[in-house]
């Protein structure tokens, strides 16, 4: 959905969100693709529950999907709302995103960050299992974010 004042500048066939005049459209295709890949990985993991290779692939997809989600949160807060994201800490960034309706549960996003920070320790089977368990709820919350990014164009 594109706001009336920007319809001529954005193409409905593209996954782009337009904001204020002079600001380039927010191309959400990378986030949408990453979340689709995470979903595919989770589906494959459900079919082959014992596969460490698939589990590790899901962890990697969770990792880059999380990073992309944070980049888009920063972009929308800065370009749409004028928030000073460069001076915000991680917790303040997420609290602001929650206040603006882009994420539902800020505490859950703090947990995703903790899981994301543990991905360098996935050689430990217990840590890897915990990070893997974060992927499915993250997918649902990241899809909520994507939906909010797509609809918030006024």
N, C-alpha and C. Protein backbone atom coordinates (compact mmCIF):
# COMPACT_ATOMS: atom_id res chain seq x y z
N UNK A 1 0.85 -1.18 0.00
CA UNK A 1 0.00 0.00 0.00
C UNK A 1 0.89 1.24 0.00
N UNK A 2 0.63 2.16 -0.89
CA UNK A 2 1.43 3.37 -1.02
C UNK A 2 0.53 4.56 -0.76
N UNK A 3 1.05 5.51 -0.02
CA UNK A 3 0.22 6.67 0.29
C UNK A 3 -0.13 7.43 -0.97
N UNK A 4 -1.27 8.11 -0.94
CA UNK A 4 -1.76 8.82 -2.13
C UNK A 4 -0.75 9.81 -2.67
N UNK A 5 -0.06 10.53 -1.79
CA UNK A 5 0.86 11.56 -2.25
C UNK A 5 2.09 11.00 -2.93
N UNK A 6 2.31 9.67 -2.83
CA UNK A 6 3.51 9.09 -3.41
C UNK A 6 3.21 8.01 -4.43
N UNK A 7 1.95 7.83 -4.79
CA UNK A 7 1.60 6.75 -5.70
C UNK A 7 2.38 6.81 -7.01
N UNK A 8 2.59 7.98 -7.54
CA UNK A 8 3.30 8.10 -8.80
C UNK A 8 4.77 7.75 -8.70
N UNK A 9 5.34 7.74 -7.51
CA UNK A 9 6.76 7.50 -7.33
C UNK A 9 7.08 6.05 -6.99
N UNK A 10 6.08 5.25 -6.66
CA UNK A 10 6.32 3.86 -6.30
C UNK A 10 5.47 2.97 -7.18
N UNK A 11 6.01 1.83 -7.51
CA UNK A 11 5.30 0.89 -8.35
C UNK A 11 4.67 -0.19 -7.50
N UNK A 12 3.40 -0.44 -7.70
CA UNK A 12 2.66 -1.41 -6.89
C UNK A 12 3.23 -2.81 -7.02
N UNK A 13 3.86 -3.14 -8.13
CA UNK A 13 4.40 -4.47 -8.34
C UNK A 13 5.67 -4.75 -7.56
N UNK A 14 6.27 -3.74 -7.00
CA UNK A 14 7.50 -3.91 -6.25
C UNK A 14 7.19 -3.92 -4.77
N UNK A 15 8.01 -4.62 -4.01
CA UNK A 15 7.84 -4.64 -2.57
C UNK A 15 8.61 -3.44 -2.01
N UNK A 16 8.06 -2.27 -2.17
CA UNK A 16 8.71 -1.05 -1.72
C UNK A 16 7.70 -0.22 -0.96
N UNK A 17 8.20 0.49 0.02
CA UNK A 17 7.36 1.37 0.81
C UNK A 17 7.90 2.78 0.64
N UNK A 18 7.04 3.71 0.33
CA UNK A 18 7.47 5.08 0.12
C UNK A 18 7.18 5.92 1.36
N UNK A 19 8.08 6.85 1.60
CA UNK A 19 7.92 7.71 2.75
C UNK A 19 7.89 9.16 2.30
N UNK A 20 8.54 10.00 2.99
CA UNK A 20 8.49 11.43 2.71
C UNK A 20 9.16 11.76 1.38
N UNK A 21 8.74 12.86 0.75
CA UNK A 21 9.37 13.27 -0.51
C UNK A 21 10.88 13.41 -0.32
N UNK A 22 11.63 12.98 -1.30
CA UNK A 22 13.08 13.08 -1.22
C UNK A 22 13.74 11.88 -0.56
N UNK A 23 12.95 10.99 0.04
CA UNK A 23 13.49 9.80 0.67
C UNK A 23 13.19 8.62 -0.25
N UNK A 24 14.21 7.87 -0.57
CA UNK A 24 14.05 6.72 -1.46
C UNK A 24 13.09 5.71 -0.85
N UNK A 25 12.38 4.97 -1.68
CA UNK A 25 11.48 3.93 -1.17
C UNK A 25 12.27 2.90 -0.35
N UNK A 26 11.62 2.34 0.60
CA UNK A 26 12.21 1.30 1.43
C UNK A 26 11.93 -0.04 0.75
N UNK A 27 12.94 -0.62 0.15
CA UNK A 27 12.79 -1.88 -0.58
C UNK A 27 12.87 -3.03 0.42
N UNK A 28 11.76 -3.68 0.64
CA UNK A 28 11.65 -4.73 1.65
C UNK A 28 11.91 -6.12 1.09
N UNK A 29 12.30 -6.22 -0.17
CA UNK A 29 12.45 -7.54 -0.79
C UNK A 29 13.51 -8.39 -0.12
N UNK A 30 14.59 -7.82 0.38
CA UNK A 30 15.64 -8.61 1.04
C UNK A 30 15.11 -9.23 2.32
N UNK A 31 14.35 -8.47 3.09
CA UNK A 31 13.78 -9.00 4.33
C UNK A 31 12.74 -10.07 4.02
N UNK A 32 11.91 -9.82 3.04
CA UNK A 32 10.90 -10.80 2.67
C UNK A 32 11.56 -12.10 2.22
N UNK A 33 12.61 -12.01 1.42
CA UNK A 33 13.33 -13.18 0.94
C UNK A 33 13.99 -13.93 2.11
N UNK A 34 14.64 -13.21 3.01
CA UNK A 34 15.30 -13.83 4.15
C UNK A 34 14.31 -14.58 5.03
N UNK A 35 13.15 -13.99 5.26
CA UNK A 35 12.14 -14.65 6.08
C UNK A 35 11.57 -15.88 5.37
N UNK A 36 11.45 -15.81 4.05
CA UNK A 36 11.01 -16.98 3.28
C UNK A 36 12.03 -18.11 3.38
N UNK A 37 13.31 -17.78 3.34
CA UNK A 37 14.35 -18.78 3.47
C UNK A 37 14.37 -19.38 4.88
N UNK A 38 14.15 -18.55 5.88
CA UNK A 38 14.08 -19.06 7.25
C UNK A 38 12.90 -20.02 7.39
N UNK A 39 11.77 -19.64 6.82
CA UNK A 39 10.60 -20.51 6.87
C UNK A 39 10.87 -21.85 6.16
N UNK A 40 11.53 -21.79 5.01
CA UNK A 40 11.89 -23.02 4.30
C UNK A 40 12.81 -23.90 5.15
N UNK A 41 13.77 -23.27 5.82
CA UNK A 41 14.68 -24.02 6.67
C UNK A 41 13.96 -24.68 7.84
N UNK A 42 13.04 -23.95 8.45
CA UNK A 42 12.27 -24.52 9.55
C UNK A 42 11.41 -25.69 9.08
N UNK A 43 10.86 -25.56 7.89
CA UNK A 43 10.06 -26.66 7.33
C UNK A 43 10.93 -27.88 7.09
N UNK A 44 12.13 -27.67 6.55
CA UNK A 44 13.04 -28.79 6.31
C UNK A 44 13.48 -29.42 7.63
N UNK A 45 13.70 -28.59 8.64
CA UNK A 45 14.10 -29.11 9.96
C UNK A 45 12.99 -29.93 10.59
N UNK A 46 11.75 -29.54 10.37
CA UNK A 46 10.62 -30.32 10.90
C UNK A 46 10.54 -31.69 10.23
N UNK A 47 10.92 -31.75 8.97
CA UNK A 47 10.88 -33.02 8.24
C UNK A 47 12.05 -33.93 8.60
N UNK A 48 13.18 -33.32 8.94
CA UNK A 48 14.39 -34.09 9.29
C UNK A 48 14.92 -33.62 10.64
N UNK A 49 14.23 -33.99 11.68
CA UNK A 49 14.50 -33.49 13.03
C UNK A 49 15.90 -33.77 13.55
N UNK A 50 16.54 -34.79 13.09
CA UNK A 50 17.86 -35.17 13.61
C UNK A 50 19.02 -34.57 12.83
N UNK A 51 18.75 -33.83 11.78
CA UNK A 51 19.81 -33.31 10.93
C UNK A 51 20.47 -32.07 11.53
N UNK A 52 21.73 -32.22 11.94
CA UNK A 52 22.48 -31.09 12.47
C UNK A 52 22.79 -30.08 11.37
N UNK A 53 22.97 -30.55 10.17
CA UNK A 53 23.27 -29.65 9.05
C UNK A 53 22.09 -28.73 8.80
N UNK A 54 20.90 -29.27 8.80
CA UNK A 54 19.71 -28.44 8.60
C UNK A 54 19.53 -27.50 9.78
N UNK A 55 19.73 -28.00 11.00
CA UNK A 55 19.63 -27.15 12.19
C UNK A 55 20.59 -25.98 12.08
N UNK A 56 21.83 -26.27 11.68
CA UNK A 56 22.82 -25.21 11.56
C UNK A 56 22.45 -24.21 10.47
N UNK A 57 21.83 -24.70 9.40
CA UNK A 57 21.35 -23.80 8.34
C UNK A 57 20.24 -22.89 8.84
N UNK A 58 19.35 -23.43 9.66
CA UNK A 58 18.29 -22.61 10.25
C UNK A 58 18.89 -21.54 11.15
N UNK A 59 19.90 -21.91 11.93
CA UNK A 59 20.56 -20.94 12.81
C UNK A 59 21.17 -19.82 11.98
N UNK A 60 21.83 -20.16 10.88
CA UNK A 60 22.42 -19.13 10.03
C UNK A 60 21.35 -18.24 9.42
N UNK A 61 20.26 -18.82 8.99
CA UNK A 61 19.16 -18.03 8.40
C UNK A 61 18.51 -17.14 9.47
N UNK A 62 18.39 -17.64 10.68
CA UNK A 62 17.91 -16.82 11.79
C UNK A 62 18.84 -15.63 12.00
N UNK A 63 20.13 -15.90 11.98
CA UNK A 63 21.13 -14.87 12.23
C UNK A 63 21.01 -13.72 11.22
N UNK A 64 21.01 -14.03 9.92
CA UNK A 64 20.96 -12.93 8.96
C UNK A 64 19.58 -12.31 8.85
N UNK A 65 18.54 -13.07 9.13
CA UNK A 65 17.19 -12.48 9.15
C UNK A 65 17.07 -11.48 10.30
N UNK A 66 17.64 -11.82 11.43
CA UNK A 66 17.63 -10.92 12.58
C UNK A 66 18.38 -9.63 12.26
N UNK A 67 19.54 -9.77 11.65
CA UNK A 67 20.34 -8.59 11.28
C UNK A 67 19.58 -7.70 10.30
N UNK A 68 18.95 -8.31 9.32
CA UNK A 68 18.16 -7.53 8.35
C UNK A 68 16.99 -6.83 9.03
N UNK A 69 16.31 -7.53 9.92
CA UNK A 69 15.18 -6.93 10.63
C UNK A 69 15.64 -5.69 11.39
N UNK A 70 16.78 -5.79 12.05
CA UNK A 70 17.29 -4.62 12.78
C UNK A 70 17.63 -3.46 11.85
N UNK A 71 18.20 -3.77 10.70
CA UNK A 71 18.52 -2.71 9.73
C UNK A 71 17.25 -2.00 9.28
N UNK A 72 16.19 -2.76 9.04
CA UNK A 72 14.95 -2.14 8.60
C UNK A 72 14.28 -1.36 9.72
N UNK A 73 14.39 -1.84 10.92
CA UNK A 73 13.87 -1.07 12.07
C UNK A 73 14.59 0.27 12.13
N UNK A 74 15.91 0.24 12.01
CA UNK A 74 16.68 1.49 12.05
C UNK A 74 16.27 2.43 10.91
N UNK A 75 16.15 1.87 9.72
CA UNK A 75 15.81 2.70 8.56
C UNK A 75 14.45 3.36 8.71
N UNK A 76 13.46 2.59 9.13
CA UNK A 76 12.12 3.16 9.23
C UNK A 76 12.04 4.19 10.36
N UNK A 77 12.71 3.93 11.46
CA UNK A 77 12.67 4.89 12.56
C UNK A 77 13.37 6.18 12.18
N UNK A 78 14.47 6.06 11.46
CA UNK A 78 15.21 7.26 11.07
C UNK A 78 14.52 8.03 9.94
N UNK A 79 14.15 7.32 8.88
CA UNK A 79 13.64 8.00 7.69
C UNK A 79 12.16 8.35 7.77
N UNK A 80 11.39 7.56 8.46
CA UNK A 80 9.96 7.85 8.54
C UNK A 80 9.62 8.71 9.74
N UNK A 81 10.32 8.48 10.84
CA UNK A 81 9.97 9.16 12.09
C UNK A 81 11.00 10.19 12.53
N UNK A 82 12.16 10.21 11.89
CA UNK A 82 13.19 11.17 12.25
C UNK A 82 13.89 10.86 13.57
N UNK A 83 13.82 9.61 14.01
CA UNK A 83 14.46 9.24 15.27
C UNK A 83 15.98 9.15 15.10
N UNK A 84 16.73 9.57 16.11
CA UNK A 84 18.19 9.56 16.03
C UNK A 84 18.77 8.16 16.31
N UNK A 85 18.63 7.25 15.38
CA UNK A 85 18.99 5.85 15.62
C UNK A 85 20.48 5.66 15.86
N UNK A 86 21.31 6.53 15.31
CA UNK A 86 22.76 6.38 15.49
C UNK A 86 23.19 6.58 16.93
N UNK A 87 22.39 7.30 17.70
CA UNK A 87 22.74 7.53 19.10
C UNK A 87 21.97 6.63 20.06
N UNK A 88 21.11 5.79 19.52
CA UNK A 88 20.31 4.89 20.37
C UNK A 88 21.06 3.60 20.63
N UNK A 89 20.96 3.12 21.85
CA UNK A 89 21.44 1.79 22.16
C UNK A 89 20.44 0.78 21.63
N UNK A 90 20.83 -0.48 21.64
CA UNK A 90 19.98 -1.54 21.12
C UNK A 90 18.63 -1.57 21.83
N UNK A 91 18.63 -1.53 23.15
CA UNK A 91 17.38 -1.60 23.90
C UNK A 91 16.47 -0.43 23.60
N UNK A 92 17.04 0.77 23.50
CA UNK A 92 16.23 1.95 23.18
C UNK A 92 15.67 1.86 21.77
N UNK A 93 16.45 1.33 20.86
CA UNK A 93 15.99 1.16 19.48
C UNK A 93 14.74 0.27 19.45
N UNK A 94 14.81 -0.84 20.16
CA UNK A 94 13.67 -1.76 20.17
C UNK A 94 12.48 -1.19 20.93
N UNK A 95 12.74 -0.49 22.00
CA UNK A 95 11.63 0.13 22.74
C UNK A 95 10.92 1.16 21.85
N UNK A 96 11.69 1.93 21.11
CA UNK A 96 11.09 2.91 20.21
C UNK A 96 10.29 2.22 19.11
N UNK A 97 10.83 1.13 18.57
CA UNK A 97 10.10 0.37 17.54
C UNK A 97 8.79 -0.17 18.11
N UNK A 98 8.81 -0.61 19.36
CA UNK A 98 7.59 -1.12 19.99
C UNK A 98 6.59 0.02 20.21
N UNK A 99 7.08 1.16 20.67
CA UNK A 99 6.19 2.32 20.88
C UNK A 99 5.53 2.76 19.58
N UNK A 100 6.24 2.61 18.48
CA UNK A 100 5.71 3.02 17.18
C UNK A 100 4.91 1.91 16.49
N UNK A 101 4.79 0.77 17.15
CA UNK A 101 3.94 -0.30 16.64
C UNK A 101 4.58 -1.25 15.65
N UNK A 102 5.89 -1.22 15.51
CA UNK A 102 6.55 -2.11 14.55
C UNK A 102 6.83 -3.49 15.13
N UNK A 103 6.99 -3.57 16.42
CA UNK A 103 7.16 -4.87 17.07
C UNK A 103 6.18 -4.95 18.23
N UNK A 104 5.79 -6.19 18.57
CA UNK A 104 4.79 -6.38 19.62
C UNK A 104 5.41 -6.51 21.00
N UNK A 105 6.41 -7.34 21.14
CA UNK A 105 6.93 -7.68 22.45
C UNK A 105 8.42 -7.39 22.50
N UNK A 106 8.78 -6.28 23.10
CA UNK A 106 10.18 -5.86 23.13
C UNK A 106 11.04 -6.85 23.90
N UNK A 107 10.51 -7.44 24.95
CA UNK A 107 11.29 -8.42 25.73
C UNK A 107 11.64 -9.63 24.87
N UNK A 108 10.73 -10.04 24.02
CA UNK A 108 11.02 -11.17 23.13
C UNK A 108 12.14 -10.82 22.16
N UNK A 109 12.15 -9.58 21.68
CA UNK A 109 13.23 -9.15 20.78
C UNK A 109 14.56 -9.08 21.53
N UNK A 110 14.54 -8.74 22.80
CA UNK A 110 15.77 -8.80 23.59
C UNK A 110 16.28 -10.25 23.63
N UNK A 111 15.37 -11.20 23.78
CA UNK A 111 15.74 -12.62 23.81
C UNK A 111 16.30 -13.05 22.45
N UNK A 112 15.74 -12.54 21.36
CA UNK A 112 16.28 -12.87 20.04
C UNK A 112 17.71 -12.35 19.90
N UNK A 113 17.95 -11.18 20.43
CA UNK A 113 19.30 -10.61 20.37
C UNK A 113 20.28 -11.49 21.14
N UNK A 114 19.84 -11.94 22.31
CA UNK A 114 20.69 -12.82 23.11
C UNK A 114 20.98 -14.10 22.34
N UNK A 115 19.96 -14.68 21.73
CA UNK A 115 20.15 -15.90 20.93
C UNK A 115 21.08 -15.62 19.76
N UNK A 116 20.88 -14.50 19.10
CA UNK A 116 21.73 -14.12 17.96
C UNK A 116 23.19 -14.00 18.39
N UNK A 117 23.42 -13.44 19.57
CA UNK A 117 24.79 -13.28 20.06
C UNK A 117 25.44 -14.61 20.41
N UNK A 118 24.63 -15.63 20.61
CA UNK A 118 25.16 -16.95 20.93
C UNK A 118 25.49 -17.76 19.68
N UNK A 119 25.19 -17.25 18.51
CA UNK A 119 25.41 -18.05 17.30
C UNK A 119 26.88 -18.37 17.09
N UNK A 120 27.79 -17.59 17.65
CA UNK A 120 29.21 -17.92 17.51
C UNK A 120 29.59 -19.11 18.39
N UNK A 121 28.69 -19.53 19.26
CA UNK A 121 28.95 -20.66 20.16
C UNK A 121 28.13 -21.89 19.77
N UNK A 122 27.71 -21.96 18.53
CA UNK A 122 26.83 -23.07 18.12
C UNK A 122 27.55 -24.40 18.08
N UNK A 123 28.87 -24.42 18.30
CA UNK A 123 29.57 -25.69 18.38
C UNK A 123 29.13 -26.46 19.63
N UNK A 124 28.55 -25.77 20.60
CA UNK A 124 27.99 -26.40 21.79
C UNK A 124 26.55 -26.82 21.46
N UNK A 125 26.28 -28.11 21.54
CA UNK A 125 24.97 -28.63 21.12
C UNK A 125 23.82 -28.02 21.90
N UNK A 126 23.99 -27.77 23.18
CA UNK A 126 22.91 -27.17 23.98
C UNK A 126 22.64 -25.73 23.57
N UNK A 127 23.71 -24.99 23.31
CA UNK A 127 23.54 -23.60 22.85
C UNK A 127 22.87 -23.59 21.48
N UNK A 128 23.33 -24.46 20.60
CA UNK A 128 22.74 -24.53 19.25
C UNK A 128 21.26 -24.87 19.33
N UNK A 129 20.90 -25.78 20.20
CA UNK A 129 19.49 -26.15 20.35
C UNK A 129 18.67 -24.97 20.83
N UNK A 130 19.21 -24.19 21.76
CA UNK A 130 18.50 -23.01 22.26
C UNK A 130 18.32 -21.94 21.20
N UNK A 131 19.37 -21.70 20.42
CA UNK A 131 19.28 -20.71 19.34
C UNK A 131 18.27 -21.20 18.30
N UNK A 132 18.34 -22.46 17.96
CA UNK A 132 17.39 -23.03 16.99
C UNK A 132 15.95 -22.83 17.45
N UNK A 133 15.70 -23.00 18.74
CA UNK A 133 14.34 -22.86 19.28
C UNK A 133 13.83 -21.42 19.18
N UNK A 134 14.72 -20.46 19.02
CA UNK A 134 14.32 -19.06 18.87
C UNK A 134 13.85 -18.74 17.46
N UNK A 135 14.23 -19.56 16.50
CA UNK A 135 13.98 -19.24 15.09
C UNK A 135 12.50 -19.17 14.75
N UNK A 136 11.71 -20.11 15.22
CA UNK A 136 10.30 -20.14 14.86
C UNK A 136 9.52 -18.96 15.44
N UNK A 137 9.65 -18.66 16.74
CA UNK A 137 8.94 -17.47 17.24
C UNK A 137 9.46 -16.18 16.61
N UNK A 138 10.77 -16.15 16.32
CA UNK A 138 11.32 -14.97 15.65
C UNK A 138 10.67 -14.77 14.29
N UNK A 139 10.49 -15.86 13.55
CA UNK A 139 9.88 -15.76 12.22
C UNK A 139 8.51 -15.09 12.31
N UNK A 140 7.70 -15.50 13.27
CA UNK A 140 6.37 -14.90 13.43
C UNK A 140 6.48 -13.42 13.76
N UNK A 141 7.38 -13.07 14.66
CA UNK A 141 7.53 -11.66 15.04
C UNK A 141 8.13 -10.83 13.92
N UNK A 142 9.05 -11.40 13.16
CA UNK A 142 9.64 -10.68 12.03
C UNK A 142 8.61 -10.49 10.91
N UNK A 143 7.73 -11.45 10.73
CA UNK A 143 6.65 -11.27 9.74
C UNK A 143 5.69 -10.16 10.18
N UNK A 144 5.44 -10.05 11.48
CA UNK A 144 4.64 -8.94 12.00
C UNK A 144 5.33 -7.62 11.66
N UNK A 145 6.64 -7.55 11.89
CA UNK A 145 7.42 -6.35 11.53
C UNK A 145 7.28 -6.05 10.05
N UNK A 146 7.46 -7.06 9.22
CA UNK A 146 7.36 -6.86 7.77
C UNK A 146 5.98 -6.33 7.39
N UNK A 147 4.94 -6.88 7.98
CA UNK A 147 3.58 -6.40 7.71
C UNK A 147 3.43 -4.93 8.11
N UNK A 148 3.96 -4.55 9.26
CA UNK A 148 3.87 -3.16 9.70
C UNK A 148 4.66 -2.24 8.77
N UNK A 149 5.82 -2.69 8.32
CA UNK A 149 6.61 -1.89 7.39
C UNK A 149 5.88 -1.68 6.08
N UNK A 150 5.19 -2.71 5.62
CA UNK A 150 4.46 -2.62 4.36
C UNK A 150 3.24 -1.70 4.47
N UNK A 151 2.57 -1.70 5.60
CA UNK A 151 1.34 -0.93 5.70
C UNK A 151 1.52 0.49 6.20
N UNK A 152 2.60 0.79 6.85
CA UNK A 152 2.80 2.10 7.43
C UNK A 152 3.39 3.06 6.42
N UNK A 153 2.55 3.56 5.57
CA UNK A 153 3.04 4.42 4.48
C UNK A 153 2.36 5.78 4.43
N UNK A 154 1.57 6.12 5.44
CA UNK A 154 0.86 7.41 5.35
C UNK A 154 1.72 8.58 5.72
